[in-house]
Amino acid sequence: QVQLVESGGGLVQPGGSLRLSCTTSGITFDNYVIGWFRQAPGKKREGVSCITRGDGRTYYTEPVKGRFTASRDNAKNMVYLQMNSLTPEDTGVYYCAARRENSAYCPLVTSGAVSEYPHWGLGTRVTVSS
């Protein structure tokens, strides 16, 4: 049974940092691309980052480029999202998602990216507010 569990969310002031973790189980981790998505109140779920299987190449959407860093630890079956210089616009529920993949394909920016990941965690809430 595939399970993804996010952790590390919380309340942080603008300009602050948080590190999210995604713990996976029930998958051959090396064979999966992992995506990070977020959903703000009243808005659609949107891509944040994805990290390819294997060597862990990372991709980011424009709103978070230069501020967020994704990484994966294949030994621990975990993925991380380091978030710096947070702004109130980063507020939302953050989800990790997994997709079995044989290539370096990393769905993220297209409107259909959400539907390309069959496995999701329940999310962790991030609130950026003073």
C-alpha atoms as a PDB file:
ATOM      1  CA  GLN A   1       0.000   0.000   0.000  1.00  0.00           C
ATOM      2  CA  VAL A   2       1.447   3.327  -1.092  1.00  0.00           C
ATOM      3  CA  GLN A   3       1.601   5.968   1.620  1.00  0.00           C
ATOM      4  CA  LEU A   4       2.906   9.499   1.525  1.00  0.00           C
ATOM      5  CA  VAL A   5       3.031  11.587   4.688  1.00  0.00           C
ATOM      6  CA  GLU A   6       3.944  15.249   4.729  1.00  0.00           C
ATOM      7  CA  SER A   7       5.259  17.033   7.801  1.00  0.00           C
ATOM      8  CA  GLY A   8       6.974  20.257   8.783  1.00  0.00           C
ATOM      9  CA  GLY A   9       4.255  22.797   8.112  1.00  0.00           C
ATOM     10  CA  GLY A  10       3.323  25.539  10.534  1.00  0.00           C
ATOM     11  CA  LEU A  11       3.030  29.250  11.116  1.00  0.00           C
ATOM     12  CA  VAL A  12       5.961  31.396  10.062  1.00  0.00           C
ATOM     13  CA  GLN A  13       6.510  35.120   9.679  1.00  0.00           C
ATOM     14  CA  PRO A  14       7.148  36.674   6.258  1.00  0.00           C
ATOM     15  CA  GLY A  15      10.773  36.235   5.335  1.00  0.00           C
ATOM     16  CA  GLY A  16      11.062  33.078   7.391  1.00  0.00           C
ATOM     17  CA  SER A  17      11.850  29.510   6.423  1.00  0.00           C
ATOM     18  CA  LEU A  18      10.335  26.073   6.758  1.00  0.00           C
ATOM     19  CA  ARG A  19      11.485  22.622   5.732  1.00  0.00           C
ATOM     20  CA  LEU A  20       8.819  20.178   4.645  1.00  0.00           C
ATOM     21  CA  SER A  21       9.367  16.442   4.598  1.00  0.00           C
ATOM     22  CA  CYS A  22       7.585  13.734   2.645  1.00  0.00           C
ATOM     23  CA  THR A  23       7.938  10.220   3.995  1.00  0.00           C
ATOM     24  CA  THR A  24       7.062   7.463   1.555  1.00  0.00           C
ATOM     25  CA  SER A  25       6.327   3.790   1.982  1.00  0.00           C
ATOM     26  CA  GLY A  26       4.971   0.999  -0.171  1.00  0.00           C
ATOM     27  CA  ILE A  27       6.913   2.040  -3.274  1.00  0.00           C
ATOM     28  CA  THR A  28      10.278   1.270  -4.846  1.00  0.00           C
ATOM     29  CA  PHE A  29      11.364   4.817  -4.153  1.00  0.00           C
ATOM     30  CA  ASP A  30      14.096   5.006  -6.777  1.00  0.00           C
ATOM     31  CA  ASN A  31      11.507   4.404  -9.519  1.00  0.00           C
ATOM     32  CA  TYR A  32       9.269   7.314  -8.600  1.00  0.00           C
ATOM     33  CA  VAL A  33       9.233  10.958  -9.450  1.00  0.00           C
ATOM     34  CA  ILE A  34       8.002  13.082  -6.555  1.00  0.00           C
ATOM     35  CA  GLY A  35       6.093  16.302  -6.968  1.00  0.00           C
ATOM     36  CA  TRP A  36       5.310  19.045  -4.489  1.00  0.00           C
ATOM     37  CA  PHE A  37       2.040  20.894  -4.927  1.00  0.00           C
ATOM     38  CA  ARG A  38       0.161  23.463  -2.901  1.00  0.00           C
ATOM     39  CA  GLN A  39      -3.368  24.701  -2.607  1.00  0.00           C
ATOM     40  CA  ALA A  40      -4.268  28.114  -1.262  1.00  0.00           C
ATOM     41  CA  PRO A  41      -7.752  28.777   0.120  1.00  0.00           C
ATOM     42  CA  GLY A  42     -10.225  29.129  -2.731  1.00  0.00           C
ATOM     43  CA  LYS A  43      -7.652  28.311  -5.391  1.00  0.00           C
ATOM     44  CA  LYS A  44      -6.755  25.324  -7.517  1.00  0.00           C
ATOM     45  CA  ARG A  45      -3.935  23.020  -6.557  1.00  0.00           C
ATOM     46  CA  GLU A  46      -0.742  24.153  -8.261  1.00  0.00           C
ATOM     47  CA  GLY A  47       2.686  22.728  -8.849  1.00  0.00           C
ATOM     48  CA  VAL A  48       5.635  23.876  -6.772  1.00  0.00           C
ATOM     49  CA  SER A  49       8.468  21.510  -7.551  1.00  0.00           C
ATOM     50  CA  CYS A  50       9.249  18.083  -8.859  1.00  0.00           C
ATOM     51  CA  ILE A  51      12.290  15.898  -8.466  1.00  0.00           C
ATOM     52  CA  THR A  52      13.129  13.143 -10.904  1.00  0.00           C
ATOM     53  CA  ARG A  53      13.766   9.517 -10.057  1.00  0.00           C
ATOM     54  CA  GLY A  54      17.334   8.418  -9.592  1.00  0.00           C
ATOM     55  CA  ASP A  55      19.681  11.400  -9.762  1.00  0.00           C
ATOM     56  CA  GLY A  56      17.051  13.793  -8.462  1.00  0.00           C
ATOM     57  CA  ARG A  57      17.045  16.604 -10.966  1.00  0.00           C
ATOM     58  CA  THR A  58      14.799  19.355  -9.701  1.00  0.00           C
ATOM     59  CA  TYR A  59      12.351  21.681 -11.378  1.00  0.00           C
ATOM     60  CA  TYR A  60      10.417  24.601  -9.949  1.00  0.00           C
ATOM     61  CA  THR A  61       7.542  26.813 -10.929  1.00  0.00           C
ATOM     62  CA  GLU A  62       8.220  30.510 -11.338  1.00  0.00           C
ATOM     63  CA  PRO A  63       6.689  31.741  -8.055  1.00  0.00           C
ATOM     64  CA  VAL A  64       9.151  29.693  -5.996  1.00  0.00           C
ATOM     65  CA  LYS A  65      12.295  29.664  -8.128  1.00  0.00           C
ATOM     66  CA  GLY A  66      15.306  30.828  -6.202  1.00  0.00           C
ATOM     67  CA  ARG A  67      13.541  30.442  -2.842  1.00  0.00           C
ATOM     68  CA  PHE A  68      12.569  26.763  -2.623  1.00  0.00           C
ATOM     69  CA  THR A  69      14.881  23.769  -2.900  1.00  0.00           C
ATOM     70  CA  ALA A  70      13.724  20.188  -3.264  1.00  0.00           C
ATOM     71  CA  SER A  71      15.916  17.201  -2.484  1.00  0.00           C
ATOM     72  CA  ARG A  72      15.537  13.468  -2.081  1.00  0.00           C
ATOM     73  CA  ASP A  73      17.209  10.899   0.123  1.00  0.00           C
ATOM     74  CA  ASN A  74      16.915   7.565  -1.650  1.00  0.00           C
ATOM     75  CA  ALA A  75      18.308   5.713   1.360  1.00  0.00           C
ATOM     76  CA  LYS A  76      15.536   7.017   3.605  1.00  0.00           C
ATOM     77  CA  ASN A  77      12.758   7.074   0.990  1.00  0.00           C
ATOM     78  CA  MET A  78      12.169  10.721   1.787  1.00  0.00           C
ATOM     79  CA  VAL A  79      11.853  13.982  -0.081  1.00  0.00           C
ATOM     80  CA  TYR A  80      12.335  17.446   1.345  1.00  0.00           C
ATOM     81  CA  LEU A  81      11.270  20.938   0.385  1.00  0.00           C
ATOM     82  CA  GLN A  82      13.337  23.742   1.889  1.00  0.00           C
ATOM     83  CA  MET A  83      11.356  26.968   1.684  1.00  0.00           C
ATOM     84  CA  ASN A  84      13.096  30.296   2.283  1.00  0.00           C
ATOM     85  CA  SER A  85      12.031  33.941   2.048  1.00  0.00           C
ATOM     86  CA  LEU A  86       8.434  32.954   2.568  1.00  0.00           C
ATOM     87  CA  THR A  87       5.672  35.419   1.741  1.00  0.00           C
ATOM     88  CA  PRO A  88       1.953  35.400   2.573  1.00  0.00           C
ATOM     89  CA  GLU A  89       1.351  34.213  -1.011  1.00  0.00           C
ATOM     90  CA  ASP A  90       3.037  30.935  -0.063  1.00  0.00           C
ATOM     91  CA  THR A  91       0.259  30.167   2.401  1.00  0.00           C
ATOM     92  CA  GLY A  92      -1.622  26.960   1.690  1.00  0.00           C
ATOM     93  CA  VAL A  93      -1.700  23.230   2.157  1.00  0.00           C
ATOM     94  CA  TYR A  94       1.362  21.550   0.705  1.00  0.00           C
ATOM     95  CA  TYR A  95       1.162  18.063  -0.743  1.00  0.00           C
ATOM     96  CA  CYS A  96       3.700  15.587  -1.996  1.00  0.00           C
ATOM     97  CA  ALA A  97       2.720  13.227  -4.778  1.00  0.00           C
ATOM     98  CA  ALA A  98       4.345  10.209  -6.407  1.00  0.00           C
ATOM     99  CA  ARG A  99       4.344   8.817  -9.912  1.00  0.00           C
ATOM    100  CA  ARG A 100       6.098   5.709 -11.130  1.00  0.00           C
ATOM    101  CA  GLU A 101       8.310   6.743 -14.010  1.00  0.00           C
ATOM    102  CA  ASN A 102      10.834   5.065 -16.298  1.00  0.00           C
ATOM    103  CA  SER A 103      12.307   8.298 -17.614  1.00  0.00           C
ATOM    104  CA  ALA A 104      13.290  11.758 -16.422  1.00  0.00           C
ATOM    105  CA  TYR A 105       9.747  13.020 -16.998  1.00  0.00           C
ATOM    106  CA  CYS A 106       8.685  15.328 -14.175  1.00  0.00           C
ATOM    107  CA  PRO A 107       5.098  16.628 -14.451  1.00  0.00           C
ATOM    108  CA  LEU A 108       4.828  20.045 -12.888  1.00  0.00           C
ATOM    109  CA  VAL A 109       3.812  23.122 -14.828  1.00  0.00           C
ATOM    110  CA  THR A 110       0.983  22.000 -17.077  1.00  0.00           C
ATOM    111  CA  SER A 111      -2.632  22.271 -16.003  1.00  0.00           C
ATOM    112  CA  GLY A 112      -2.872  18.498 -16.135  1.00  0.00           C
ATOM    113  CA  ALA A 113       0.118  17.835 -13.912  1.00  0.00           C
ATOM    114  CA  VAL A 114      -2.013  17.163 -10.859  1.00  0.00           C
ATOM    115  CA  SER A 115      -3.804  14.313 -12.616  1.00  0.00           C
ATOM    116  CA  GLU A 116      -0.502  12.670 -13.590  1.00  0.00           C
ATOM    117  CA  TYR A 117       0.284  11.687 -10.021  1.00  0.00           C
ATOM    118  CA  PRO A 118      -1.759   8.739  -8.729  1.00  0.00           C
ATOM    119  CA  HIS A 119      -0.481   8.825  -5.160  1.00  0.00           C
ATOM    120  CA  TRP A 120      -0.921  11.731  -2.749  1.00  0.00           C
ATOM    121  CA  GLY A 121      -0.374  12.572   0.878  1.00  0.00           C
ATOM    122  CA  LEU A 122      -2.927  14.361   3.017  1.00  0.00           C
ATOM    123  CA  GLY A 123      -0.947  17.572   3.096  1.00  0.00           C
ATOM    124  CA  THR A 124       0.657  19.839   5.664  1.00  0.00           C
ATOM    125  CA  ARG A 125      -0.530  23.390   6.254  1.00  0.00           C
ATOM    126  CA  VAL A 126       1.807  26.351   5.847  1.00  0.00           C
ATOM    127  CA  THR A 127       0.707  29.762   7.046  1.00  0.00           C
ATOM    128  CA  VAL A 128       2.865  32.807   6.411  1.00  0.00           C
ATOM    129  CA  SER A 129       1.638  35.703   8.461  1.00  0.00           C
ATOM    130  CA  SER A 130       2.870  38.387  10.826  1.00  0.00           C
END
